[in-house]
């Protein structure tokens, strides 16, 4: 078996996840710290497995999407958040509750479009940074792209189709990390109720 084919099978085995729920806040805090510490190792491994930055970025987004789809149920159960009335409220909940709960930071929400369907999240301090050193041969690597995937996956589970882009990444000597979110479509939920037979 060639080295390249064995690498492909290794890639498919990666299953990354954010900290699971815990009965104690301190245990959850420890899990968050562990996730942040090991994230750099995950990205370093992807840099070894993939030659093109575009492929690494896609893989981080895909992993994030998988995390987001599983995480939303935990978030809704732990936060007791009521249904948001619009995308503006959704963005505020993401910034002030979700980021704080899972990554210990609160991004600033800014640069809204007049339609209220497009905004930026600014992280002055990116918790994923840790001890990061991106090799020179990866100039187009979007280090924090996992977060974009998480947001896209989680919002999909609450029936919002959102385009999420990493515009600035503090790992590349930018002062902040900027994530742009644009609401593309709100899916209607159709509930079918079976009539009870008398």
N, C-alpha and C. Protein backbone atom coordinates (compact mmCIF):
# COMPACT_ATOMS: atom_id res chain seq x y z
N UNK A 1 0.85 -1.20 0.00
CA UNK A 1 0.00 0.00 0.00
C UNK A 1 0.88 1.24 0.00
N UNK A 2 0.57 2.18 -0.89
CA UNK A 2 1.42 3.37 -0.99
C UNK A 2 1.17 4.31 0.18
N UNK A 3 2.16 5.18 0.38
CA UNK A 3 2.06 6.14 1.48
C UNK A 3 0.91 7.11 1.25
N UNK A 4 0.67 7.48 -0.04
CA UNK A 4 -0.40 8.42 -0.35
C UNK A 4 -1.78 7.85 -0.04
N UNK A 5 -2.00 6.57 -0.38
CA UNK A 5 -3.31 5.97 -0.10
C UNK A 5 -3.54 5.79 1.38
N UNK A 6 -2.46 5.52 2.15
CA UNK A 6 -2.62 5.40 3.60
C UNK A 6 -2.94 6.75 4.22
N UNK A 7 -2.40 7.83 3.61
CA UNK A 7 -2.72 9.18 4.10
C UNK A 7 -4.18 9.49 3.88
N UNK A 8 -4.72 9.07 2.74
CA UNK A 8 -6.13 9.32 2.46
C UNK A 8 -7.02 8.65 3.48
N UNK A 9 -6.68 7.44 3.86
CA UNK A 9 -7.51 6.74 4.86
C UNK A 9 -7.40 7.41 6.22
N UNK A 10 -6.21 7.97 6.54
CA UNK A 10 -6.04 8.69 7.80
C UNK A 10 -6.90 9.95 7.83
N UNK A 11 -6.98 10.64 6.69
CA UNK A 11 -7.76 11.87 6.61
C UNK A 11 -9.23 11.62 6.94
N UNK A 12 -9.73 10.51 6.47
CA UNK A 12 -11.14 10.21 6.69
C UNK A 12 -11.44 9.86 8.14
N UNK A 13 -10.43 9.51 8.92
CA UNK A 13 -10.64 9.11 10.31
C UNK A 13 -10.76 10.29 11.26
N UNK A 14 -10.33 11.48 10.82
CA UNK A 14 -10.33 12.64 11.72
C UNK A 14 -11.76 13.00 12.10
N UNK A 15 -12.05 13.01 13.38
CA UNK A 15 -13.37 13.40 13.88
C UNK A 15 -13.15 14.41 15.00
N UNK A 16 -13.29 15.68 14.67
CA UNK A 16 -12.98 16.75 15.61
C UNK A 16 -14.27 17.27 16.22
N UNK A 17 -14.25 17.66 17.49
CA UNK A 17 -15.46 18.18 18.11
C UNK A 17 -15.11 19.17 19.21
N UNK A 18 -16.04 20.08 19.42
CA UNK A 18 -15.91 21.04 20.52
C UNK A 18 -16.22 20.33 21.83
N UNK A 19 -15.89 20.95 22.96
CA UNK A 19 -16.15 20.32 24.25
C UNK A 19 -17.58 19.87 24.43
N UNK A 20 -17.76 18.68 24.95
CA UNK A 20 -19.10 18.17 25.19
C UNK A 20 -19.67 18.77 26.48
N UNK A 21 -20.95 18.53 26.68
CA UNK A 21 -21.58 19.08 27.87
C UNK A 21 -21.01 18.44 29.12
N UNK A 22 -21.06 19.19 30.19
CA UNK A 22 -20.51 18.70 31.45
C UNK A 22 -21.41 19.16 32.58
N UNK A 23 -21.47 18.38 33.62
CA UNK A 23 -22.32 18.75 34.75
C UNK A 23 -21.70 19.88 35.56
N UNK A 24 -20.40 20.10 35.38
CA UNK A 24 -19.76 21.18 36.14
C UNK A 24 -19.11 22.16 35.18
N UNK A 25 -19.18 23.43 35.56
CA UNK A 25 -18.59 24.47 34.73
C UNK A 25 -17.09 24.31 34.60
N UNK A 26 -16.41 23.87 35.66
CA UNK A 26 -14.95 23.76 35.62
C UNK A 26 -14.52 22.67 34.64
N UNK A 27 -15.26 21.57 34.59
CA UNK A 27 -14.94 20.49 33.65
C UNK A 27 -15.13 20.97 32.22
N UNK A 28 -16.19 21.75 32.00
CA UNK A 28 -16.43 22.29 30.66
C UNK A 28 -15.31 23.26 30.29
N UNK A 29 -14.87 24.07 31.25
CA UNK A 29 -13.78 25.02 31.01
C UNK A 29 -12.50 24.27 30.64
N UNK A 30 -12.21 23.17 31.33
CA UNK A 30 -11.04 22.36 31.02
C UNK A 30 -11.12 21.81 29.60
N UNK A 31 -12.31 21.35 29.20
CA UNK A 31 -12.49 20.81 27.85
C UNK A 31 -12.26 21.89 26.80
N UNK A 32 -12.74 23.10 27.07
CA UNK A 32 -12.53 24.21 26.15
C UNK A 32 -11.05 24.50 25.99
N UNK A 33 -10.32 24.53 27.09
CA UNK A 33 -8.87 24.78 27.03
C UNK A 33 -8.15 23.69 26.25
N UNK A 34 -8.57 22.45 26.46
CA UNK A 34 -7.96 21.33 25.74
C UNK A 34 -8.21 21.46 24.24
N UNK A 35 -9.43 21.81 23.87
CA UNK A 35 -9.77 22.01 22.47
C UNK A 35 -8.88 23.09 21.85
N UNK A 36 -8.74 24.21 22.55
CA UNK A 36 -7.94 25.32 22.04
C UNK A 36 -6.47 24.92 21.90
N UNK A 37 -5.96 24.19 22.88
CA UNK A 37 -4.56 23.76 22.84
C UNK A 37 -4.28 22.78 21.71
N UNK A 38 -5.23 21.92 21.40
CA UNK A 38 -5.00 20.88 20.39
C UNK A 38 -5.39 21.33 18.98
N UNK A 39 -6.05 22.46 18.85
CA UNK A 39 -6.47 22.91 17.52
C UNK A 39 -5.28 23.16 16.60
N UNK A 40 -4.23 23.76 17.13
CA UNK A 40 -3.02 24.00 16.33
C UNK A 40 -2.43 22.71 15.80
N UNK A 41 -2.49 21.65 16.60
CA UNK A 41 -1.98 20.34 16.18
C UNK A 41 -2.81 19.80 15.02
N UNK A 42 -4.13 19.99 15.10
CA UNK A 42 -5.01 19.56 14.03
C UNK A 42 -4.65 20.25 12.71
N UNK A 43 -4.48 21.57 12.75
CA UNK A 43 -4.16 22.33 11.54
C UNK A 43 -2.79 21.91 11.01
N UNK A 44 -1.84 21.68 11.91
CA UNK A 44 -0.50 21.24 11.48
C UNK A 44 -0.58 19.89 10.76
N UNK A 45 -1.43 18.99 11.25
CA UNK A 45 -1.59 17.68 10.62
C UNK A 45 -2.22 17.83 9.23
N UNK A 46 -3.20 18.72 9.11
CA UNK A 46 -3.82 18.95 7.81
C UNK A 46 -2.82 19.54 6.81
N UNK A 47 -1.90 20.37 7.32
CA UNK A 47 -0.85 20.94 6.46
C UNK A 47 0.07 19.84 5.91
N UNK A 48 0.24 18.78 6.68
CA UNK A 48 1.05 17.65 6.22
C UNK A 48 0.27 16.78 5.22
N UNK A 49 -1.04 16.65 5.46
CA UNK A 49 -1.87 15.76 4.64
C UNK A 49 -2.24 16.36 3.29
N UNK A 50 -2.36 17.69 3.23
CA UNK A 50 -2.79 18.35 2.00
C UNK A 50 -1.72 19.32 1.52
N UNK A 51 -1.51 19.36 0.21
CA UNK A 51 -0.51 20.27 -0.35
C UNK A 51 -1.07 21.67 -0.55
N UNK A 52 -2.33 21.75 -1.01
CA UNK A 52 -2.93 23.05 -1.35
C UNK A 52 -3.67 23.63 -0.16
N UNK A 53 -3.48 24.94 0.05
CA UNK A 53 -4.19 25.64 1.13
C UNK A 53 -5.69 25.59 0.93
N UNK A 54 -6.13 25.62 -0.32
CA UNK A 54 -7.56 25.57 -0.62
C UNK A 54 -8.18 24.27 -0.07
N UNK A 55 -7.44 23.17 -0.19
CA UNK A 55 -7.94 21.88 0.31
C UNK A 55 -7.99 21.86 1.84
N UNK A 56 -6.98 22.47 2.47
CA UNK A 56 -6.97 22.55 3.94
C UNK A 56 -8.15 23.39 4.42
N UNK A 57 -8.37 24.53 3.75
CA UNK A 57 -9.48 25.42 4.12
C UNK A 57 -10.83 24.71 4.00
N UNK A 58 -10.98 23.94 2.92
CA UNK A 58 -12.23 23.20 2.71
C UNK A 58 -12.42 22.15 3.80
N UNK A 59 -11.33 21.48 4.17
CA UNK A 59 -11.41 20.44 5.20
C UNK A 59 -11.77 21.04 6.56
N UNK A 60 -11.18 22.19 6.90
CA UNK A 60 -11.51 22.86 8.15
C UNK A 60 -12.97 23.29 8.17
N UNK A 61 -13.45 23.81 7.04
CA UNK A 61 -14.85 24.23 6.95
C UNK A 61 -15.78 23.02 7.10
N UNK A 62 -15.42 21.92 6.46
CA UNK A 62 -16.25 20.71 6.52
C UNK A 62 -16.29 20.15 7.95
N UNK A 63 -15.13 20.11 8.62
CA UNK A 63 -15.09 19.66 10.01
C UNK A 63 -15.94 20.57 10.89
N UNK A 64 -15.80 21.88 10.67
CA UNK A 64 -16.58 22.84 11.44
C UNK A 64 -18.07 22.66 11.23
N UNK A 65 -18.47 22.43 9.98
CA UNK A 65 -19.88 22.21 9.66
C UNK A 65 -20.42 21.01 10.43
N UNK A 66 -19.65 19.93 10.46
CA UNK A 66 -20.07 18.73 11.21
C UNK A 66 -20.21 19.02 12.70
N UNK A 67 -19.29 19.82 13.24
CA UNK A 67 -19.36 20.20 14.65
C UNK A 67 -20.62 21.03 14.91
N UNK A 68 -20.85 22.01 14.03
CA UNK A 68 -21.99 22.92 14.19
C UNK A 68 -23.32 22.20 14.20
N UNK A 69 -23.48 21.21 13.30
CA UNK A 69 -24.75 20.50 13.24
C UNK A 69 -25.00 19.68 14.50
N UNK A 70 -23.93 19.22 15.15
CA UNK A 70 -24.10 18.44 16.39
C UNK A 70 -24.17 19.34 17.62
N UNK A 71 -23.58 20.52 17.52
CA UNK A 71 -23.45 21.40 18.68
C UNK A 71 -24.71 22.18 19.00
N UNK A 72 -25.53 22.45 17.99
CA UNK A 72 -26.66 23.36 18.17
C UNK A 72 -27.65 22.83 19.21
N UNK A 73 -27.87 21.53 19.25
CA UNK A 73 -28.80 20.97 20.23
C UNK A 73 -28.30 21.19 21.65
N UNK A 74 -27.00 20.99 21.85
CA UNK A 74 -26.39 21.23 23.16
C UNK A 74 -26.51 22.70 23.54
N UNK A 75 -26.25 23.58 22.57
CA UNK A 75 -26.34 25.02 22.83
C UNK A 75 -27.74 25.44 23.24
N UNK A 76 -28.74 24.99 22.50
CA UNK A 76 -30.12 25.36 22.80
C UNK A 76 -30.55 24.84 24.17
N UNK A 77 -30.09 23.63 24.53
CA UNK A 77 -30.47 23.05 25.82
C UNK A 77 -29.81 23.79 26.98
N UNK A 78 -28.56 24.20 26.80
CA UNK A 78 -27.81 24.84 27.90
C UNK A 78 -28.06 26.33 28.04
N UNK A 79 -28.45 26.98 26.94
CA UNK A 79 -28.56 28.44 26.99
C UNK A 79 -29.97 28.94 27.30
N UNK A 80 -30.99 28.11 27.09
CA UNK A 80 -32.39 28.52 27.29
C UNK A 80 -32.75 29.77 26.48
N UNK A 81 -32.18 29.88 25.28
CA UNK A 81 -32.45 31.03 24.41
C UNK A 81 -33.79 30.83 23.71
N UNK A 82 -34.61 31.88 23.72
CA UNK A 82 -35.89 31.83 22.98
C UNK A 82 -35.60 32.01 21.50
N UNK A 83 -36.56 31.70 20.67
CA UNK A 83 -36.39 31.82 19.23
C UNK A 83 -36.12 33.28 18.86
N UNK A 84 -35.10 33.50 18.03
CA UNK A 84 -34.75 34.86 17.61
C UNK A 84 -35.75 35.35 16.56
N UNK A 85 -36.09 36.64 16.64
CA UNK A 85 -37.09 37.21 15.73
C UNK A 85 -36.51 37.58 14.38
N UNK A 86 -35.20 37.85 14.33
CA UNK A 86 -34.58 38.24 13.06
C UNK A 86 -33.09 37.89 13.10
N UNK A 87 -32.41 38.15 11.98
CA UNK A 87 -30.99 37.79 11.88
C UNK A 87 -30.13 38.64 12.80
N UNK A 88 -30.57 39.87 13.05
CA UNK A 88 -29.83 40.75 13.97
C UNK A 88 -29.76 40.11 15.36
N UNK A 89 -30.88 39.64 15.85
CA UNK A 89 -30.91 38.97 17.17
C UNK A 89 -30.07 37.70 17.15
N UNK A 90 -30.14 36.97 16.05
CA UNK A 90 -29.37 35.73 15.92
C UNK A 90 -27.88 36.00 16.04
N UNK A 91 -27.39 37.04 15.35
CA UNK A 91 -25.97 37.40 15.40
C UNK A 91 -25.55 37.80 16.81
N UNK A 92 -26.41 38.54 17.51
CA UNK A 92 -26.10 38.96 18.88
C UNK A 92 -26.01 37.76 19.83
N UNK A 93 -26.91 36.79 19.65
CA UNK A 93 -26.88 35.58 20.48
C UNK A 93 -25.61 34.77 20.21
N UNK A 94 -25.24 34.67 18.93
CA UNK A 94 -24.01 33.96 18.57
C UNK A 94 -22.82 34.60 19.26
N UNK A 95 -22.73 35.93 19.17
CA UNK A 95 -21.58 36.64 19.72
C UNK A 95 -21.55 36.63 21.25
N UNK A 96 -22.69 36.97 21.88
CA UNK A 96 -22.70 37.18 23.32
C UNK A 96 -22.94 35.93 24.14
N UNK A 97 -23.52 34.90 23.52
CA UNK A 97 -23.82 33.67 24.28
C UNK A 97 -22.98 32.49 23.78
N UNK A 98 -23.08 32.18 22.49
CA UNK A 98 -22.42 30.98 21.96
C UNK A 98 -20.90 31.07 22.03
N UNK A 99 -20.32 32.16 21.54
CA UNK A 99 -18.86 32.30 21.59
C UNK A 99 -18.36 32.29 23.02
N UNK A 100 -19.09 32.99 23.89
CA UNK A 100 -18.70 33.04 25.31
C UNK A 100 -18.76 31.66 25.94
N UNK A 101 -19.80 30.91 25.61
CA UNK A 101 -20.02 29.59 26.19
C UNK A 101 -18.95 28.58 25.77
N UNK A 102 -18.59 28.59 24.50
CA UNK A 102 -17.70 27.55 23.99
C UNK A 102 -16.25 27.97 23.82
N UNK A 103 -16.00 29.26 23.59
CA UNK A 103 -14.62 29.69 23.38
C UNK A 103 -14.15 30.74 24.37
N UNK A 104 -15.04 31.20 25.23
CA UNK A 104 -14.64 32.13 26.29
C UNK A 104 -14.36 33.54 25.83
N UNK A 105 -14.85 33.92 24.65
CA UNK A 105 -14.67 35.29 24.13
C UNK A 105 -16.00 35.83 23.63
N UNK A 106 -16.09 37.15 23.53
CA UNK A 106 -17.30 37.78 23.01
C UNK A 106 -16.92 38.68 21.85
N UNK A 107 -17.19 38.24 20.61
CA UNK A 107 -16.87 39.09 19.45
C UNK A 107 -17.77 40.32 19.40
N UNK A 108 -17.29 41.34 18.72
CA UNK A 108 -18.07 42.54 18.47
C UNK A 108 -18.82 42.35 17.16
N UNK A 109 -20.12 42.68 17.15
CA UNK A 109 -20.92 42.57 15.93
C UNK A 109 -21.02 43.96 15.31
N UNK A 110 -20.61 44.07 14.04
CA UNK A 110 -20.59 45.40 13.41
C UNK A 110 -20.77 45.30 11.90
N UNK A 111 -20.78 46.47 11.25
CA UNK A 111 -20.87 46.59 9.79
C UNK A 111 -22.11 45.90 9.23
N UNK A 112 -23.26 46.22 9.81
CA UNK A 112 -24.53 45.70 9.29
C UNK A 112 -24.88 46.38 7.98
N UNK A 113 -25.46 45.63 7.06
CA UNK A 113 -26.01 46.22 5.84
C UNK A 113 -27.38 46.80 6.18
N UNK A 114 -27.88 47.76 5.37
CA UNK A 114 -29.21 48.34 5.66
C UNK A 114 -30.32 47.30 5.73
N UNK A 115 -30.19 46.22 4.96
CA UNK A 115 -31.23 45.18 4.96
C UNK A 115 -31.21 44.33 6.23
N UNK A 116 -30.13 44.43 7.01
CA UNK A 116 -30.03 43.67 8.26
C UNK A 116 -29.79 42.19 8.06
N UNK A 117 -29.18 41.83 6.92
CA UNK A 117 -28.94 40.42 6.64
C UNK A 117 -27.46 40.09 6.44
N UNK A 118 -26.59 41.02 6.79
CA UNK A 118 -25.17 40.85 6.54
C UNK A 118 -24.39 41.62 7.61
N UNK A 119 -23.47 40.95 8.31
CA UNK A 119 -22.71 41.63 9.36
C UNK A 119 -21.36 40.96 9.54
N UNK A 120 -20.50 41.58 10.34
CA UNK A 120 -19.20 41.02 10.66
C UNK A 120 -19.08 40.77 12.15
N UNK A 121 -18.42 39.68 12.50
CA UNK A 121 -18.05 39.39 13.88
C UNK A 121 -16.55 39.65 14.00
N UNK A 122 -16.16 40.50 14.95
CA UNK A 122 -14.76 40.83 15.14
C UNK A 122 -14.26 40.24 16.46
N UNK A 123 -13.25 39.40 16.37
CA UNK A 123 -12.62 38.84 17.57
C UNK A 123 -11.32 39.59 17.80
N UNK A 124 -11.28 40.42 18.84
CA UNK A 124 -10.05 41.13 19.17
C UNK A 124 -9.00 40.15 19.65
N UNK A 125 -9.47 39.10 20.33
CA UNK A 125 -8.57 38.04 20.80
C UNK A 125 -9.11 36.72 20.28
N UNK A 126 -8.32 36.05 19.45
CA UNK A 126 -8.75 34.78 18.87
C UNK A 126 -8.26 33.64 19.76
N UNK A 127 -9.16 32.91 20.42
CA UNK A 127 -8.74 31.85 21.34
C UNK A 127 -8.07 30.67 20.64
N UNK A 128 -8.25 30.53 19.34
CA UNK A 128 -7.63 29.41 18.62
C UNK A 128 -6.16 29.65 18.32
N UNK A 129 -5.69 30.85 18.55
CA UNK A 129 -4.31 31.18 18.20
C UNK A 129 -3.30 30.30 18.95
N UNK A 130 -3.38 30.26 20.27
CA UNK A 130 -2.45 29.44 21.04
C UNK A 130 -1.01 29.66 20.61
N UNK A 131 -0.31 28.55 20.42
CA UNK A 131 1.07 28.62 19.97
C UNK A 131 1.09 28.21 18.50
N UNK A 132 0.91 29.19 17.63
CA UNK A 132 0.74 28.91 16.21
C UNK A 132 1.90 29.45 15.41
N UNK A 133 2.40 28.62 14.54
CA UNK A 133 3.43 29.06 13.60
C UNK A 133 3.11 28.45 12.25
N UNK A 134 2.56 29.26 11.35
CA UNK A 134 2.17 28.77 10.03
C UNK A 134 3.40 28.74 9.12
N UNK A 135 3.68 27.58 8.52
CA UNK A 135 4.83 27.51 7.60
C UNK A 135 4.67 28.48 6.44
N UNK A 136 5.81 28.98 5.92
CA UNK A 136 5.78 29.96 4.82
C UNK A 136 5.10 29.41 3.58
N UNK A 137 5.11 28.09 3.40
CA UNK A 137 4.53 27.51 2.18
C UNK A 137 3.00 27.45 2.22
N UNK A 138 2.38 28.03 3.25
CA UNK A 138 0.92 28.06 3.34
C UNK A 138 0.40 29.50 3.48
N UNK A 139 0.66 30.33 2.46
CA UNK A 139 0.25 31.75 2.56
C UNK A 139 -1.25 31.97 2.50
N UNK A 140 -2.00 31.02 1.94
CA UNK A 140 -3.45 31.20 1.77
C UNK A 140 -4.26 30.36 2.76
N UNK A 141 -3.60 29.85 3.76
CA UNK A 141 -4.29 29.06 4.78
C UNK A 141 -5.20 29.95 5.62
N UNK A 142 -6.46 29.55 5.76
CA UNK A 142 -7.42 30.25 6.62
C UNK A 142 -7.47 29.49 7.94
N UNK A 143 -6.61 29.87 8.85
CA UNK A 143 -6.39 29.12 10.09
C UNK A 143 -7.67 28.94 10.90
N UNK A 144 -8.48 29.97 10.99
CA UNK A 144 -9.69 29.93 11.82
C UNK A 144 -10.94 29.52 11.04
N UNK A 145 -10.76 28.89 9.90
CA UNK A 145 -11.90 28.54 9.04
C UNK A 145 -12.85 27.53 9.69
N UNK A 146 -12.38 26.82 10.69
CA UNK A 146 -13.24 25.87 11.41
C UNK A 146 -14.44 26.62 12.01
N UNK A 147 -14.21 27.83 12.52
CA UNK A 147 -15.29 28.62 13.13
C UNK A 147 -16.37 28.93 12.10
N UNK A 148 -15.95 29.25 10.87
CA UNK A 148 -16.92 29.54 9.81
C UNK A 148 -17.81 28.32 9.55
N UNK A 149 -17.19 27.15 9.50
CA UNK A 149 -17.95 25.92 9.30
C UNK A 149 -18.92 25.64 10.43
N UNK A 150 -18.47 25.90 11.66
CA UNK A 150 -19.34 25.69 12.83
C UNK A 150 -20.57 26.58 12.74
N UNK A 151 -20.37 27.85 12.42
CA UNK A 151 -21.49 28.78 12.32
C UNK A 151 -22.45 28.36 11.21
N UNK A 152 -21.92 27.98 10.07
CA UNK A 152 -22.76 27.57 8.94
C UNK A 152 -23.57 26.32 9.30
N UNK A 153 -22.92 25.33 9.93
CA UNK A 153 -23.60 24.10 10.29
C UNK A 153 -24.67 24.30 11.35
N UNK A 154 -24.34 25.10 12.37
CA UNK A 154 -25.29 25.33 13.46
C UNK A 154 -26.51 26.10 12.97
N UNK A 155 -26.28 27.12 12.15
CA UNK A 155 -27.40 27.93 11.65
C UNK A 155 -28.26 27.14 10.67
N UNK A 156 -27.64 26.23 9.95
CA UNK A 156 -28.42 25.35 9.06
C UNK A 156 -29.42 24.52 9.86
N UNK A 157 -29.02 24.10 11.06
CA UNK A 157 -29.89 23.28 11.89
C UNK A 157 -31.08 24.06 12.46
N UNK A 158 -30.97 25.39 12.47
CA UNK A 158 -32.12 26.21 12.89
C UNK A 158 -32.75 26.89 11.67
N UNK A 159 -32.56 26.25 10.51
CA UNK A 159 -33.23 26.62 9.26
C UNK A 159 -32.80 27.95 8.67
N UNK A 160 -31.52 28.31 8.88
CA UNK A 160 -30.98 29.52 8.27
C UNK A 160 -29.82 29.13 7.36
N UNK A 161 -29.93 29.48 6.08
CA UNK A 161 -28.81 29.24 5.16
C UNK A 161 -27.97 30.50 5.16
N UNK A 162 -26.73 30.36 5.62
CA UNK A 162 -25.86 31.53 5.80
C UNK A 162 -24.53 31.30 5.10
N UNK A 163 -24.07 32.33 4.39
CA UNK A 163 -22.74 32.30 3.80
C UNK A 163 -21.79 32.89 4.84
N UNK A 164 -20.75 32.14 5.20
CA UNK A 164 -19.82 32.60 6.24
C UNK A 164 -18.41 32.61 5.66
N UNK A 165 -17.75 33.76 5.74
CA UNK A 165 -16.41 33.91 5.17
C UNK A 165 -15.45 34.48 6.21
N UNK A 166 -14.24 33.98 6.20
CA UNK A 166 -13.19 34.52 7.07
C UNK A 166 -12.46 35.61 6.27
N UNK A 167 -12.67 36.88 6.64
CA UNK A 167 -12.09 37.99 5.90
C UNK A 167 -10.72 38.39 6.42
N UNK A 168 -10.54 38.34 7.73
CA UNK A 168 -9.24 38.64 8.34
C UNK A 168 -8.94 37.57 9.37
N UNK A 169 -7.68 37.19 9.45
CA UNK A 169 -7.28 36.18 10.43
C UNK A 169 -6.09 36.71 11.21
N UNK A 170 -6.21 36.80 12.53
CA UNK A 170 -5.14 37.39 13.34
C UNK A 170 -3.86 36.57 13.29
N UNK A 171 -3.93 35.33 12.80
CA UNK A 171 -2.72 34.53 12.67
C UNK A 171 -1.82 35.10 11.57
N UNK A 172 -2.40 35.91 10.68
CA UNK A 172 -1.63 36.49 9.58
C UNK A 172 -1.29 37.95 9.83
N UNK A 173 -0.99 38.28 11.04
CA UNK A 173 -0.57 39.62 11.44
C UNK A 173 -1.66 40.67 11.31
N UNK A 174 -2.91 40.25 11.13
CA UNK A 174 -4.02 41.19 11.25
C UNK A 174 -4.27 41.42 12.73
N UNK A 175 -4.78 42.58 13.07
CA UNK A 175 -5.01 42.87 14.50
C UNK A 175 -6.21 42.12 15.03
N UNK A 176 -7.15 41.81 14.15
CA UNK A 176 -8.37 41.12 14.58
C UNK A 176 -8.67 39.96 13.63
N UNK A 177 -9.58 39.10 14.08
CA UNK A 177 -10.15 38.08 13.21
C UNK A 177 -11.55 38.56 12.86
N UNK A 178 -11.83 38.65 11.55
CA UNK A 178 -13.15 39.10 11.10
C UNK A 178 -13.85 37.98 10.35
N UNK A 179 -15.05 37.67 10.80
CA UNK A 179 -15.89 36.66 10.16
C UNK A 179 -17.13 37.36 9.63
N UNK A 180 -17.37 37.22 8.34
CA UNK A 180 -18.52 37.87 7.71
C UNK A 180 -19.65 36.85 7.55
N UNK A 181 -20.84 37.20 8.02
CA UNK A 181 -22.00 36.33 7.91
C UNK A 181 -23.08 37.02 7.07
N UNK A 182 -23.56 36.30 6.06
CA UNK A 182 -24.64 36.84 5.22
C UNK A 182 -25.78 35.83 5.17
N UNK A 183 -26.96 36.29 5.55
CA UNK A 183 -28.14 35.44 5.49
C UNK A 183 -28.58 35.30 4.04
N UNK A 184 -28.58 34.06 3.55
CA UNK A 184 -28.98 33.80 2.17
C UNK A 184 -30.48 33.46 2.07
N UNK A 185 -30.92 32.62 3.01
CA UNK A 185 -32.32 32.19 2.97
C UNK A 185 -32.75 31.68 4.34
N UNK A 186 -33.99 31.94 4.66
CA UNK A 186 -34.60 31.39 5.87
C UNK A 186 -35.57 30.30 5.44
N UNK A 187 -35.29 29.07 5.83
CA UNK A 187 -36.14 27.94 5.43
C UNK A 187 -37.37 27.88 6.32
N UNK A 188 -38.51 27.69 5.70
CA UNK A 188 -39.75 27.55 6.47
C UNK A 188 -39.86 26.13 6.98
N UNK A 189 -40.34 26.00 8.20
CA UNK A 189 -40.54 24.69 8.79
C UNK A 189 -42.00 24.31 8.61
N UNK A 190 -42.23 23.20 7.94
CA UNK A 190 -43.59 22.73 7.72
C UNK A 190 -43.83 21.53 8.63
N UNK A 191 -44.78 21.69 9.52
CA UNK A 191 -45.12 20.61 10.44
C UNK A 191 -46.40 19.94 9.97
N UNK A 192 -46.35 18.64 9.84
CA UNK A 192 -47.56 17.92 9.45
C UNK A 192 -48.15 17.26 10.69
N UNK A 193 -49.42 17.49 10.93
CA UNK A 193 -50.09 16.93 12.10
C UNK A 193 -51.08 15.89 11.63
N UNK A 194 -50.90 14.69 12.10
CA UNK A 194 -51.83 13.61 11.72
C UNK A 194 -53.13 13.75 12.53
N UNK A 195 -54.23 13.58 11.83
CA UNK A 195 -55.52 13.65 12.52
C UNK A 195 -55.73 12.36 13.32
N UNK A 196 -56.18 12.54 14.53
CA UNK A 196 -56.44 11.37 15.38
C UNK A 196 -57.71 10.67 14.91
N UNK A 197 -57.59 9.39 14.78
CA UNK A 197 -58.77 8.61 14.41
C UNK A 197 -59.66 8.41 15.62
N UNK A 198 -60.97 8.63 15.40
CA UNK A 198 -61.90 8.50 16.53
C UNK A 198 -62.45 7.09 16.59
